[in-house]
Structure formats: structure tokens, C-alpha cells
PDB file of N, CA and C in Angstrom:
ATOM      1  N   MET A   1       0.823  -1.180   0.000  1.00  0.00           N
ATOM      2  CA  MET A   1       0.000   0.000   0.000  1.00  0.00           C
ATOM      3  C   MET A   1       0.877   1.257   0.000  1.00  0.00           C
ATOM      4  N   PHE A   2       1.837   1.349   0.894  1.00  0.00           N
ATOM      5  CA  PHE A   2       2.735   2.492   0.939  1.00  0.00           C
ATOM      6  C   PHE A   2       4.101   2.052   0.446  1.00  0.00           C
ATOM      7  N   GLU A   3       4.718   2.901  -0.327  1.00  0.00           N
ATOM      8  CA  GLU A   3       6.056   2.590  -0.815  1.00  0.00           C
ATOM      9  C   GLU A   3       7.077   3.128   0.174  1.00  0.00           C
ATOM     10  N   ARG A   4       8.014   2.315   0.520  1.00  0.00           N
ATOM     11  CA  ARG A   4       9.079   2.757   1.432  1.00  0.00           C
ATOM     12  C   ARG A   4      10.291   3.148   0.618  1.00  0.00           C
ATOM     13  N   ARG A   5      10.815   4.315   0.921  1.00  0.00           N
ATOM     14  CA  ARG A   5      11.987   4.812   0.209  1.00  0.00           C
ATOM     15  C   ARG A   5      13.059   5.186   1.215  1.00  0.00           C
ATOM     16  N   PRO A   6      14.311   4.993   0.854  1.00  0.00           N
ATOM     17  CA  PRO A   6      15.396   5.429   1.747  1.00  0.00           C
ATOM     18  C   PRO A   6      15.348   6.939   1.951  1.00  0.00           C
ATOM     19  N   LEU A   7      15.734   7.379   3.140  1.00  0.00           N
ATOM     20  CA  LEU A   7      15.686   8.796   3.494  1.00  0.00           C
ATOM     21  C   LEU A   7      16.486   9.654   2.526  1.00  0.00           C
ATOM     22  N   TYR A   8      17.623   9.157   2.050  1.00  0.00           N
ATOM     23  CA  TYR A   8      18.458   9.964   1.161  1.00  0.00           C
ATOM     24  C   TYR A   8      17.724  10.341  -0.127  1.00  0.00           C
ATOM     25  N   ARG A   9      16.726   9.575  -0.542  1.00  0.00           N
ATOM     26  CA  ARG A   9      16.006   9.887  -1.774  1.00  0.00           C
ATOM     27  C   ARG A   9      15.185  11.160  -1.635  1.00  0.00           C
ATOM     28  N   PHE A  10      14.823  11.532  -0.424  1.00  0.00           N
ATOM     29  CA  PHE A  10      14.064  12.759  -0.223  1.00  0.00           C
ATOM     30  C   PHE A  10      14.956  13.993  -0.337  1.00  0.00           C
ATOM     31  N   TYR A  11      16.242  13.819  -0.163  1.00  0.00           N
ATOM     32  CA  TYR A  11      17.161  14.948  -0.188  1.00  0.00           C
ATOM     33  C   TYR A  11      17.878  15.108  -1.519  1.00  0.00           C
ATOM     34  N   ASN A  12      17.822  14.109  -2.365  1.00  0.00           N
ATOM     35  CA  ASN A  12      18.430  14.222  -3.692  1.00  0.00           C
ATOM     36  C   ASN A  12      17.556  15.099  -4.579  1.00  0.00           C
ATOM     37  N   PRO A  13      18.155  15.830  -5.502  1.00  0.00           N
ATOM     38  CA  PRO A  13      17.352  16.654  -6.420  1.00  0.00           C
ATOM     39  C   PRO A  13      16.459  15.766  -7.292  1.00  0.00           C
ATOM     40  N   ALA A  14      15.358  16.334  -7.756  1.00  0.00           N
ATOM     41  CA  ALA A  14      14.451  15.648  -8.668  1.00  0.00           C
ATOM     42  C   ALA A  14      14.667  16.207 -10.068  1.00  0.00           C
ATOM     43  N   LEU A  15      14.351  15.415 -11.072  1.00  0.00           N
ATOM     44  CA  LEU A  15      14.437  15.874 -12.450  1.00  0.00           C
ATOM     45  C   LEU A  15      13.053  16.312 -12.904  1.00  0.00           C
ATOM     46  N   VAL A  16      12.937  17.575 -13.315  1.00  0.00           N
ATOM     47  CA  VAL A  16      11.679  18.106 -13.837  1.00  0.00           C
ATOM     48  C   VAL A  16      11.977  18.685 -15.209  1.00  0.00           C
ATOM     49  N   ASN A  17      11.407  18.082 -16.219  1.00  0.00           N
ATOM     50  CA  ASN A  17      11.649  18.511 -17.609  1.00  0.00           C
ATOM     51  C   ASN A  17      13.140  18.564 -17.924  1.00  0.00           C
ATOM     52  N   GLY A  18      13.878  17.593 -17.414  1.00  0.00           N
ATOM     53  CA  GLY A  18      15.303  17.506 -17.690  1.00  0.00           C
ATOM     54  C   GLY A  18      16.182  18.433 -16.855  1.00  0.00           C
ATOM     55  N   ILE A  19      15.597  19.157 -15.917  1.00  0.00           N
ATOM     56  CA  ILE A  19      16.344  20.090 -15.067  1.00  0.00           C
ATOM     57  C   ILE A  19      16.303  19.586 -13.630  1.00  0.00           C
ATOM     58  N   GLU A  20      17.457  19.579 -12.958  1.00  0.00           N
ATOM     59  CA  GLU A  20      17.496  19.175 -11.554  1.00  0.00           C
ATOM     60  C   GLU A  20      16.978  20.309 -10.677  1.00  0.00           C
ATOM     61  N   VAL A  21      16.013  19.986  -9.817  1.00  0.00           N
ATOM     62  CA  VAL A  21      15.447  20.964  -8.883  1.00  0.00           C
ATOM     63  C   VAL A  21      15.409  20.340  -7.494  1.00  0.00           C
ATOM     64  N   LEU A  22      15.465  21.185  -6.472  1.00  0.00           N
ATOM     65  CA  LEU A  22      15.361  20.693  -5.106  1.00  0.00           C
ATOM     66  C   LEU A  22      13.957  20.151  -4.865  1.00  0.00           C
ATOM     67  N   ARG A  23      13.853  19.078  -4.091  1.00  0.00           N
ATOM     68  CA  ARG A  23      12.541  18.506  -3.788  1.00  0.00           C
ATOM     69  C   ARG A  23      11.765  19.367  -2.800  1.00  0.00           C
ATOM     70  N   PHE A  24      12.466  20.000  -1.884  1.00  0.00           N
ATOM     71  CA  PHE A  24      11.829  20.815  -0.852  1.00  0.00           C
ATOM     72  C   PHE A  24      12.541  22.154  -0.775  1.00  0.00           C
ATOM     73  N   THR A  25      11.786  23.181  -0.469  1.00  0.00           N
ATOM     74  CA  THR A  25      12.370  24.506  -0.298  1.00  0.00           C
ATOM     75  C   THR A  25      11.589  25.264   0.771  1.00  0.00           C
ATOM     76  N   ARG A  26      12.244  26.131   1.489  1.00  0.00           N
ATOM     77  CA  ARG A  26      11.595  26.917   2.542  1.00  0.00           C
ATOM     78  C   ARG A  26      10.682  27.963   1.903  1.00  0.00           C
ATOM     79  N   ILE A  27       9.470  28.084   2.445  1.00  0.00           N
ATOM     80  CA  ILE A  27       8.523  29.084   1.961  1.00  0.00           C
ATOM     81  C   ILE A  27       8.769  30.367   2.742  1.00  0.00           C
ATOM     82  N   THR A  28       9.076  31.450   2.026  1.00  0.00           N
ATOM     83  CA  THR A  28       9.359  32.726   2.683  1.00  0.00           C
ATOM     84  C   THR A  28       8.374  33.818   2.285  1.00  0.00           C
ATOM     85  N   ASP A  29       7.530  33.574   1.300  1.00  0.00           N
ATOM     86  CA  ASP A  29       6.557  34.559   0.832  1.00  0.00           C
ATOM     87  C   ASP A  29       5.439  34.696   1.863  1.00  0.00           C
ATOM     88  N   SER A  30       5.291  35.886   2.457  1.00  0.00           N
ATOM     89  CA  SER A  30       4.312  36.082   3.539  1.00  0.00           C
ATOM     90  C   SER A  30       2.879  35.866   3.065  1.00  0.00           C
ATOM     91  N   GLU A  31       2.582  36.140   1.806  1.00  0.00           N
ATOM     92  CA  GLU A  31       1.229  35.901   1.284  1.00  0.00           C
ATOM     93  C   GLU A  31       0.922  34.403   1.253  1.00  0.00           C
ATOM     94  N   VAL A  32       1.862  33.620   0.790  1.00  0.00           N
ATOM     95  CA  VAL A  32       1.682  32.162   0.746  1.00  0.00           C
ATOM     96  C   VAL A  32       1.569  31.607   2.161  1.00  0.00           C
ATOM     97  N   ILE A  33       2.396  32.082   3.067  1.00  0.00           N
ATOM     98  CA  ILE A  33       2.349  31.625   4.459  1.00  0.00           C
ATOM     99  C   ILE A  33       0.981  31.938   5.060  1.00  0.00           C
ATOM    100  N   GLY A  34       0.439  33.122   4.789  1.00  0.00           N
ATOM    101  CA  GLY A  34      -0.880  33.491   5.281  1.00  0.00           C
ATOM    102  C   GLY A  34      -1.972  32.579   4.753  1.00  0.00           C
ATOM    103  N   ARG A  35      -1.895  32.242   3.460  1.00  0.00           N
ATOM    104  CA  ARG A  35      -2.897  31.331   2.886  1.00  0.00           C
ATOM    105  C   ARG A  35      -2.779  29.943   3.502  1.00  0.00           C
ATOM    106  N   LEU A  36      -1.557  29.490   3.733  1.00  0.00           N
ATOM    107  CA  LEU A  36      -1.370  28.171   4.349  1.00  0.00           C
ATOM    108  C   LEU A  36      -1.877  28.153   5.792  1.00  0.00           C
ATOM    109  N   ARG A  37      -1.668  29.237   6.518  1.00  0.00           N
ATOM    110  CA  ARG A  37      -2.190  29.326   7.889  1.00  0.00           C
ATOM    111  C   ARG A  37      -3.711  29.285   7.903  1.00  0.00           C
ATOM    112  N   ALA A  38      -4.354  29.947   6.943  1.00  0.00           N
ATOM    113  CA  ALA A  38      -5.813  29.929   6.853  1.00  0.00           C
ATOM    114  C   ALA A  38      -6.318  28.518   6.561  1.00  0.00           C
ATOM    115  N   ILE A  39      -5.646  27.813   5.682  1.00  0.00           N
ATOM    116  CA  ILE A  39      -6.021  26.431   5.374  1.00  0.00           C
ATOM    117  C   ILE A  39      -5.869  25.564   6.613  1.00  0.00           C
ATOM    118  N   LYS A  40      -4.743  25.721   7.317  1.00  0.00           N
ATOM    119  CA  LYS A  40      -4.507  24.945   8.540  1.00  0.00           C
ATOM    120  C   LYS A  40      -5.594  25.206   9.572  1.00  0.00           C
ATOM    121  N   ALA A  41      -5.976  26.479   9.755  1.00  0.00           N
ATOM    122  CA  ALA A  41      -7.011  26.825  10.729  1.00  0.00           C
ATOM    123  C   ALA A  41      -8.357  26.214  10.339  1.00  0.00           C
ATOM    124  N   ARG A  42      -8.639  26.162   9.054  1.00  0.00           N
ATOM    125  CA  ARG A  42      -9.889  25.574   8.599  1.00  0.00           C
ATOM    126  C   ARG A  42      -9.899  24.059   8.773  1.00  0.00           C
ATOM    127  N   LEU A  43      -8.787  23.422   8.491  1.00  0.00           N
ATOM    128  CA  LEU A  43      -8.714  21.963   8.583  1.00  0.00           C
ATOM    129  C   LEU A  43      -8.570  21.459  10.004  1.00  0.00           C
ATOM    130  N   TYR A  44      -7.876  22.228  10.840  1.00  0.00           N
ATOM    131  CA  TYR A  44      -7.588  21.820  12.216  1.00  0.00           C
ATOM    132  C   TYR A  44      -8.017  22.927  13.189  1.00  0.00           C
ATOM    133  N   PRO A  45      -9.323  23.109  13.378  1.00  0.00           N
ATOM    134  CA  PRO A  45      -9.799  24.245  14.189  1.00  0.00           C
ATOM    135  C   PRO A  45      -9.405  24.161  15.652  1.00  0.00           C
ATOM    136  N   ASP A  46      -9.083  22.992  16.163  1.00  0.00           N
ATOM    137  CA  ASP A  46      -8.753  22.836  17.589  1.00  0.00           C
ATOM    138  C   ASP A  46      -7.307  23.145  17.918  1.00  0.00           C
ATOM    139  N   LEU A  47      -6.475  23.371  16.925  1.00  0.00           N
ATOM    140  CA  LEU A  47      -5.050  23.618  17.173  1.00  0.00           C
ATOM    141  C   LEU A  47      -4.770  25.068  17.407  1.00  0.00           C
TER     142      LEU A  47
END
């Protein structure tokens, strides 16, 4: 049901249209952070 992958695979770059890109990146845009906080509040009202 779930695929298990070694931890190092999450840190290796991914290929997107033949270009290597980071799999994860820190979100620093305050508008995006605000939208994500609103989603979190809607999904998890008790937190």
C-alpha cells in the first residue's frame, strides 16, 4: 500500500523537464504563508 523509500532519496534533487530541482524549499513569501495558515485553521480548528 505504501512505498518505502530510503531517506536519502528525499534529499536528492528531482528531475523536472530535464532540469534538476530541489525537492523541498523553505517558503518565505508572507502571502503564501498566510494562505497556508488559513487552510490549517480551517482543517484543524482545535489547534
